[in-house]
């Protein structure tokens, strides 16, 4: 039976930098080396803490996980 072994997890926070020439400009800030077993509540708490340090508003957050397929 195949399994997936977690290798890395990160959080990507999209921030809105404003509007230029009528287009919304966004950038993604990545927080790497996040524990593979992070819960949704813990991720929300981390993002809420970090967004207070940012100049621009956080518009979205995405959890990215990578793993290796093992036999």
PDB file of N, CA and C in Angstrom:
ATOM      1  N   UNK A   1       0.825  -1.160   0.000  1.00  0.00           N
ATOM      2  CA  UNK A   1       0.000   0.000   0.000  1.00  0.00           C
ATOM      3  C   UNK A   1       0.889   1.251   0.000  1.00  0.00           C
ATOM      4  N   UNK A   2       0.581   2.202  -0.852  1.00  0.00           N
ATOM      5  CA  UNK A   2       1.355   3.429  -0.955  1.00  0.00           C
ATOM      6  C   UNK A   2       0.943   4.414   0.130  1.00  0.00           C
ATOM      7  N   UNK A   3       1.911   5.173   0.602  1.00  0.00           N
ATOM      8  CA  UNK A   3       1.649   6.218   1.584  1.00  0.00           C
ATOM      9  C   UNK A   3       2.369   7.495   1.156  1.00  0.00           C
ATOM     10  N   UNK A   4       1.959   8.601   1.719  1.00  0.00           N
ATOM     11  CA  UNK A   4       2.640   9.871   1.463  1.00  0.00           C
ATOM     12  C   UNK A   4       3.256  10.339   2.767  1.00  0.00           C
ATOM     13  N   UNK A   5       4.560  10.507   2.771  1.00  0.00           N
ATOM     14  CA  UNK A   5       5.282  10.981   3.945  1.00  0.00           C
ATOM     15  C   UNK A   5       5.454  12.501   3.828  1.00  0.00           C
ATOM     16  N   UNK A   6       4.925  13.252   4.792  1.00  0.00           N
ATOM     17  CA  UNK A   6       5.045  14.710   4.718  1.00  0.00           C
ATOM     18  C   UNK A   6       6.499  15.154   4.787  1.00  0.00           C
ATOM     19  N   UNK A   7       6.841  16.147   3.958  1.00  0.00           N
ATOM     20  CA  UNK A   7       8.209  16.653   3.903  1.00  0.00           C
ATOM     21  C   UNK A   7       8.267  18.112   4.344  1.00  0.00           C
ATOM     22  N   UNK A   8       7.336  18.928   3.849  1.00  0.00           N
ATOM     23  CA  UNK A   8       7.364  20.342   4.200  1.00  0.00           C
ATOM     24  C   UNK A   8       5.964  20.936   4.166  1.00  0.00           C
ATOM     25  N   UNK A   9       5.771  21.948   4.990  1.00  0.00           N
ATOM     26  CA  UNK A   9       4.514  22.678   5.024  1.00  0.00           C
ATOM     27  C   UNK A   9       4.835  24.160   5.151  1.00  0.00           C
ATOM     28  N   UNK A  10       4.079  24.975   4.440  1.00  0.00           N
ATOM     29  CA  UNK A  10       4.244  26.425   4.544  1.00  0.00           C
ATOM     30  C   UNK A  10       2.879  27.092   4.458  1.00  0.00           C
ATOM     31  N   UNK A  11       2.832  28.344   4.874  1.00  0.00           N
ATOM     32  CA  UNK A  11       1.628  29.149   4.759  1.00  0.00           C
ATOM     33  C   UNK A  11       1.932  30.296   3.805  1.00  0.00           C
ATOM     34  N   UNK A  12       1.042  30.527   2.855  1.00  0.00           N
ATOM     35  CA  UNK A  12       1.181  31.651   1.937  1.00  0.00           C
ATOM     36  C   UNK A  12       0.112  32.680   2.259  1.00  0.00           C
ATOM     37  N   UNK A  13       0.540  33.900   2.551  1.00  0.00           N
ATOM     38  CA  UNK A  13      -0.402  34.971   2.865  1.00  0.00           C
ATOM     39  C   UNK A  13      -0.409  35.966   1.706  1.00  0.00           C
ATOM     40  N   UNK A  14      -1.551  36.138   1.067  1.00  0.00           N
ATOM     41  CA  UNK A  14      -1.693  37.128   0.001  1.00  0.00           C
ATOM     42  C   UNK A  14      -1.963  38.474   0.642  1.00  0.00           C
ATOM     43  N   UNK A  15      -1.197  39.483   0.228  1.00  0.00           N
ATOM     44  CA  UNK A  15      -1.424  40.834   0.735  1.00  0.00           C
ATOM     45  C   UNK A  15      -1.759  41.750  -0.434  1.00  0.00           C
ATOM     46  N   UNK A  16      -2.643  42.689  -0.173  1.00  0.00           N
ATOM     47  CA  UNK A  16      -3.071  43.646  -1.192  1.00  0.00           C
ATOM     48  C   UNK A  16      -2.224  44.907  -1.066  1.00  0.00           C
ATOM     49  N   UNK A  17      -1.491  45.229  -2.142  1.00  0.00           N
ATOM     50  CA  UNK A  17      -0.617  46.401  -2.142  1.00  0.00           C
ATOM     51  C   UNK A  17      -1.310  47.642  -2.670  1.00  0.00           C
ATOM     52  N   UNK A  18      -2.537  47.474  -3.165  1.00  0.00           N
ATOM     53  CA  UNK A  18      -3.288  48.617  -3.670  1.00  0.00           C
ATOM     54  C   UNK A  18      -3.659  48.431  -5.126  1.00  0.00           C
ATOM     55  N   UNK A  19      -4.006  49.545  -5.788  1.00  0.00           N
ATOM     56  CA  UNK A  19      -4.432  49.525  -7.181  1.00  0.00           C
ATOM     57  C   UNK A  19      -3.480  50.383  -8.007  1.00  0.00           C
ATOM     58  N   UNK A  20      -2.972  49.802  -9.093  1.00  0.00           N
ATOM     59  CA  UNK A  20      -2.097  50.515 -10.021  1.00  0.00           C
ATOM     60  C   UNK A  20      -2.681  50.363 -11.411  1.00  0.00           C
ATOM     61  N   UNK A  21      -2.912  51.488 -12.088  1.00  0.00           N
ATOM     62  CA  UNK A  21      -3.489  51.486 -13.433  1.00  0.00           C
ATOM     63  C   UNK A  21      -4.788  50.691 -13.496  1.00  0.00           C
ATOM     64  N   UNK A  22      -5.598  50.772 -12.442  1.00  0.00           N
ATOM     65  CA  UNK A  22      -6.885  50.092 -12.416  1.00  0.00           C
ATOM     66  C   UNK A  22      -6.828  48.612 -12.077  1.00  0.00           C
ATOM     67  N   UNK A  23      -5.651  48.088 -11.788  1.00  0.00           N
ATOM     68  CA  UNK A  23      -5.501  46.669 -11.457  1.00  0.00           C
ATOM     69  C   UNK A  23      -5.029  46.513 -10.020  1.00  0.00           C
ATOM     70  N   UNK A  24      -5.623  45.554  -9.324  1.00  0.00           N
ATOM     71  CA  UNK A  24      -5.211  45.266  -7.956  1.00  0.00           C
ATOM     72  C   UNK A  24      -3.864  44.562  -7.967  1.00  0.00           C
ATOM     73  N   UNK A  25      -2.948  45.057  -7.145  1.00  0.00           N
ATOM     74  CA  UNK A  25      -1.617  44.462  -7.046  1.00  0.00           C
ATOM     75  C   UNK A  25      -1.553  43.667  -5.746  1.00  0.00           C
ATOM     76  N   UNK A  26      -1.219  42.376  -5.866  1.00  0.00           N
ATOM     77  CA  UNK A  26      -1.093  41.510  -4.696  1.00  0.00           C
ATOM     78  C   UNK A  26       0.267  40.827  -4.694  1.00  0.00           C
ATOM     79  N   UNK A  27       0.708  40.470  -3.513  1.00  0.00           N
ATOM     80  CA  UNK A  27       1.959  39.751  -3.342  1.00  0.00           C
ATOM     81  C   UNK A  27       1.717  38.643  -2.329  1.00  0.00           C
ATOM     82  N   UNK A  28       2.438  37.543  -2.474  1.00  0.00           N
ATOM     83  CA  UNK A  28       2.312  36.427  -1.530  1.00  0.00           C
ATOM     84  C   UNK A  28       3.568  36.373  -0.670  1.00  0.00           C
ATOM     85  N   UNK A  29       3.347  36.352   0.633  1.00  0.00           N
ATOM     86  CA  UNK A  29       4.433  36.194   1.593  1.00  0.00           C
ATOM     87  C   UNK A  29       4.343  34.771   2.122  1.00  0.00           C
ATOM     88  N   UNK A  30       5.453  34.037   2.076  1.00  0.00           N
ATOM     89  CA  UNK A  30       5.468  32.649   2.534  1.00  0.00           C
ATOM     90  C   UNK A  30       6.105  32.530   3.912  1.00  0.00           C
ATOM     91  N   UNK A  31       5.474  31.763   4.763  1.00  0.00           N
ATOM     92  CA  UNK A  31       6.033  31.408   6.068  1.00  0.00           C
ATOM     93  C   UNK A  31       6.391  29.931   5.958  1.00  0.00           C
ATOM     94  N   UNK A  32       7.674  29.634   5.952  1.00  0.00           N
ATOM     95  CA  UNK A  32       8.138  28.265   5.739  1.00  0.00           C
ATOM     96  C   UNK A  32       8.474  27.582   7.059  1.00  0.00           C
ATOM     97  N   UNK A  33       8.767  26.309   6.953  1.00  0.00           N
ATOM     98  CA  UNK A  33       9.159  25.469   8.086  1.00  0.00           C
ATOM     99  C   UNK A  33       8.068  25.390   9.148  1.00  0.00           C
ATOM    100  N   UNK A  34       6.814  25.344   8.671  1.00  0.00           N
ATOM    101  CA  UNK A  34       5.666  25.196   9.557  1.00  0.00           C
ATOM    102  C   UNK A  34       5.519  23.710   9.874  1.00  0.00           C
ATOM    103  N   UNK A  35       5.136  23.388  11.096  1.00  0.00           N
ATOM    104  CA  UNK A  35       4.933  22.000  11.501  1.00  0.00           C
ATOM    105  C   UNK A  35       3.916  21.338  10.573  1.00  0.00           C
ATOM    106  N   UNK A  36       4.227  20.136  10.108  1.00  0.00           N
ATOM    107  CA  UNK A  36       3.356  19.417   9.177  1.00  0.00           C
ATOM    108  C   UNK A  36       1.963  19.150   9.742  1.00  0.00           C
ATOM    109  N   UNK A  37       1.834  19.077  11.042  1.00  0.00           N
ATOM    110  CA  UNK A  37       0.545  18.755  11.648  1.00  0.00           C
ATOM    111  C   UNK A  37      -0.177  20.004  12.184  1.00  0.00           C
ATOM    112  N   UNK A  38       0.120  21.178  11.637  1.00  0.00           N
ATOM    113  CA  UNK A  38      -0.520  22.409  12.100  1.00  0.00           C
ATOM    114  C   UNK A  38      -2.030  22.330  11.869  1.00  0.00           C
ATOM    115  N   UNK A  39      -2.780  22.751  12.860  1.00  0.00           N
ATOM    116  CA  UNK A  39      -4.241  22.735  12.745  1.00  0.00           C
ATOM    117  C   UNK A  39      -4.720  24.053  12.136  1.00  0.00           C
ATOM    118  N   UNK A  40      -5.959  24.074  11.697  1.00  0.00           N
ATOM    119  CA  UNK A  40      -6.531  25.291  11.123  1.00  0.00           C
ATOM    120  C   UNK A  40      -6.559  26.416  12.159  1.00  0.00           C
ATOM    121  N   UNK A  41      -6.876  26.092  13.402  1.00  0.00           N
ATOM    122  CA  UNK A  41      -6.904  27.111  14.453  1.00  0.00           C
ATOM    123  C   UNK A  41      -5.514  27.684  14.721  1.00  0.00           C
ATOM    124  N   UNK A  42      -4.504  26.828  14.733  1.00  0.00           N
ATOM    125  CA  UNK A  42      -3.136  27.290  14.959  1.00  0.00           C
ATOM    126  C   UNK A  42      -2.655  28.146  13.784  1.00  0.00           C
ATOM    127  N   UNK A  43      -3.011  27.753  12.561  1.00  0.00           N
ATOM    128  CA  UNK A  43      -2.632  28.536  11.381  1.00  0.00           C
ATOM    129  C   UNK A  43      -3.301  29.907  11.419  1.00  0.00           C
ATOM    130  N   UNK A  44      -4.566  29.946  11.808  1.00  0.00           N
ATOM    131  CA  UNK A  44      -5.288  31.219  11.896  1.00  0.00           C
ATOM    132  C   UNK A  44      -4.654  32.119  12.953  1.00  0.00           C
ATOM    133  N   UNK A  45      -4.283  31.542  14.081  1.00  0.00           N
ATOM    134  CA  UNK A  45      -3.641  32.305  15.146  1.00  0.00           C
ATOM    135  C   UNK A  45      -2.305  32.878  14.676  1.00  0.00           C
ATOM    136  N   UNK A  46      -1.527  32.082  13.966  1.00  0.00           N
ATOM    137  CA  UNK A  46      -0.239  32.530  13.438  1.00  0.00           C
ATOM    138  C   UNK A  46      -0.431  33.677  12.448  1.00  0.00           C
ATOM    139  N   UNK A  47      -1.375  33.526  11.536  1.00  0.00           N
ATOM    140  CA  UNK A  47      -1.638  34.570  10.537  1.00  0.00           C
ATOM    141  C   UNK A  47      -2.139  35.841  11.215  1.00  0.00           C
ATOM    142  N   UNK A  48      -3.023  35.718  12.188  1.00  0.00           N
ATOM    143  CA  UNK A  48      -3.524  36.895  12.903  1.00  0.00           C
ATOM    144  C   UNK A  48      -2.408  37.643  13.621  1.00  0.00           C
ATOM    145  N   UNK A  49      -1.465  36.915  14.178  1.00  0.00           N
ATOM    146  CA  UNK A  49      -0.329  37.539  14.848  1.00  0.00           C
ATOM    147  C   UNK A  49       0.566  38.256  13.839  1.00  0.00           C
ATOM    148  N   UNK A  50       0.865  37.589  12.723  1.00  0.00           N
ATOM    149  CA  UNK A  50       1.764  38.177  11.729  1.00  0.00           C
ATOM    150  C   UNK A  50       1.144  39.342  10.985  1.00  0.00           C
ATOM    151  N   UNK A  51      -0.159  39.305  10.730  1.00  0.00           N
ATOM    152  CA  UNK A  51      -0.768  40.376   9.946  1.00  0.00           C
ATOM    153  C   UNK A  51      -0.746  41.703  10.686  1.00  0.00           C
ATOM    154  N   UNK A  52      -0.655  41.669  12.012  1.00  0.00           N
ATOM    155  CA  UNK A  52      -0.530  42.901  12.782  1.00  0.00           C
ATOM    156  C   UNK A  52       0.818  43.582  12.557  1.00  0.00           C
ATOM    157  N   UNK A  53       1.791  42.837  12.058  1.00  0.00           N
ATOM    158  CA  UNK A  53       3.126  43.386  11.801  1.00  0.00           C
ATOM    159  C   UNK A  53       3.278  43.928  10.382  1.00  0.00           C
ATOM    160  N   UNK A  54       2.302  43.635   9.515  1.00  0.00           N
ATOM    161  CA  UNK A  54       2.400  44.019   8.112  1.00  0.00           C
ATOM    162  C   UNK A  54       1.749  45.369   7.855  1.00  0.00           C
ATOM    163  N   UNK A  55       2.305  46.085   6.896  1.00  0.00           N
ATOM    164  CA  UNK A  55       1.774  47.391   6.518  1.00  0.00           C
ATOM    165  C   UNK A  55       0.495  47.269   5.698  1.00  0.00           C
ATOM    166  N   UNK A  56       0.376  46.185   4.926  1.00  0.00           N
ATOM    167  CA  UNK A  56      -0.762  45.998   4.020  1.00  0.00           C
ATOM    168  C   UNK A  56      -1.673  44.883   4.527  1.00  0.00           C
ATOM    169  N   UNK A  57      -2.958  44.916   4.136  1.00  0.00           N
ATOM    170  CA  UNK A  57      -3.898  43.900   4.632  1.00  0.00           C
ATOM    171  C   UNK A  57      -3.703  42.529   3.985  1.00  0.00           C
ATOM    172  N   UNK A  58      -3.914  41.485   4.783  1.00  0.00           N
ATOM    173  CA  UNK A  58      -3.878  40.111   4.286  1.00  0.00           C
ATOM    174  C   UNK A  58      -5.255  39.795   3.706  1.00  0.00           C
ATOM    175  N   UNK A  59      -5.278  39.365   2.441  1.00  0.00           N
ATOM    176  CA  UNK A  59      -6.558  39.096   1.773  1.00  0.00           C
ATOM    177  C   UNK A  59      -6.899  37.615   1.710  1.00  0.00           C
ATOM    178  N   UNK A  60      -5.893  36.742   1.809  1.00  0.00           N
ATOM    179  CA  UNK A  60      -6.140  35.297   1.752  1.00  0.00           C
ATOM    180  C   UNK A  60      -4.941  34.555   2.338  1.00  0.00           C
ATOM    181  N   UNK A  61      -5.203  33.347   2.816  1.00  0.00           N
ATOM    182  CA  UNK A  61      -4.141  32.495   3.347  1.00  0.00           C
ATOM    183  C   UNK A  61      -4.305  31.097   2.771  1.00  0.00           C
ATOM    184  N   UNK A  62      -3.184  30.486   2.401  1.00  0.00           N
ATOM    185  CA  UNK A  62      -3.209  29.147   1.818  1.00  0.00           C
ATOM    186  C   UNK A  62      -2.150  28.282   2.498  1.00  0.00           C
ATOM    187  N   UNK A  63      -2.543  27.064   2.873  1.00  0.00           N
ATOM    188  CA  UNK A  63      -1.586  26.102   3.438  1.00  0.00           C
ATOM    189  C   UNK A  63      -1.064  25.245   2.300  1.00  0.00           C
ATOM    190  N   UNK A  64       0.252  25.158   2.188  1.00  0.00           N
ATOM    191  CA  UNK A  64       0.890  24.352   1.145  1.00  0.00           C
ATOM    192  C   UNK A  64       1.671  23.230   1.818  1.00  0.00           C
ATOM    193  N   UNK A  65       1.377  21.990   1.403  1.00  0.00           N
ATOM    194  CA  UNK A  65       2.073  20.842   1.963  1.00  0.00           C
ATOM    195  C   UNK A  65       2.701  20.018   0.850  1.00  0.00           C
ATOM    196  N   UNK A  66       3.888  19.524   1.122  1.00  0.00           N
ATOM    197  CA  UNK A  66       4.572  18.649   0.160  1.00  0.00           C
ATOM    198  C   UNK A  66       4.921  17.338   0.826  1.00  0.00           C
ATOM    199  N   UNK A  67       4.922  16.280   0.042  1.00  0.00           N
ATOM    200  CA  UNK A  67       5.237  14.979   0.596  1.00  0.00           C
ATOM    201  C   UNK A  67       5.857  14.058  -0.443  1.00  0.00           C
ATOM    202  N   UNK A  68       6.442  12.989   0.038  1.00  0.00           N
ATOM    203  CA  UNK A  68       7.038  11.988  -0.838  1.00  0.00           C
ATOM    204  C   UNK A  68       6.165  10.745  -0.855  1.00  0.00           C
ATOM    205  N   UNK A  69       5.936  10.243  -2.051  1.00  0.00           N
ATOM    206  CA  UNK A  69       5.157   9.014  -2.214  1.00  0.00           C
ATOM    207  C   UNK A  69       6.057   7.824  -1.921  1.00  0.00           C
ATOM    208  N   UNK A  70       5.646   6.978  -0.986  1.00  0.00           N
ATOM    209  CA  UNK A  70       6.425   5.805  -0.599  1.00  0.00           C
ATOM    210  C   UNK A  70       5.609   4.544  -0.819  1.00  0.00           C
ATOM    211  N   UNK A  71       6.279   3.477  -1.189  1.00  0.00           N
ATOM    212  CA  UNK A  71       5.607   2.206  -1.408  1.00  0.00           C
ATOM    213  C   UNK A  71       5.386   1.450  -0.126  1.00  0.00           C
TER     214      UNK A  71
END
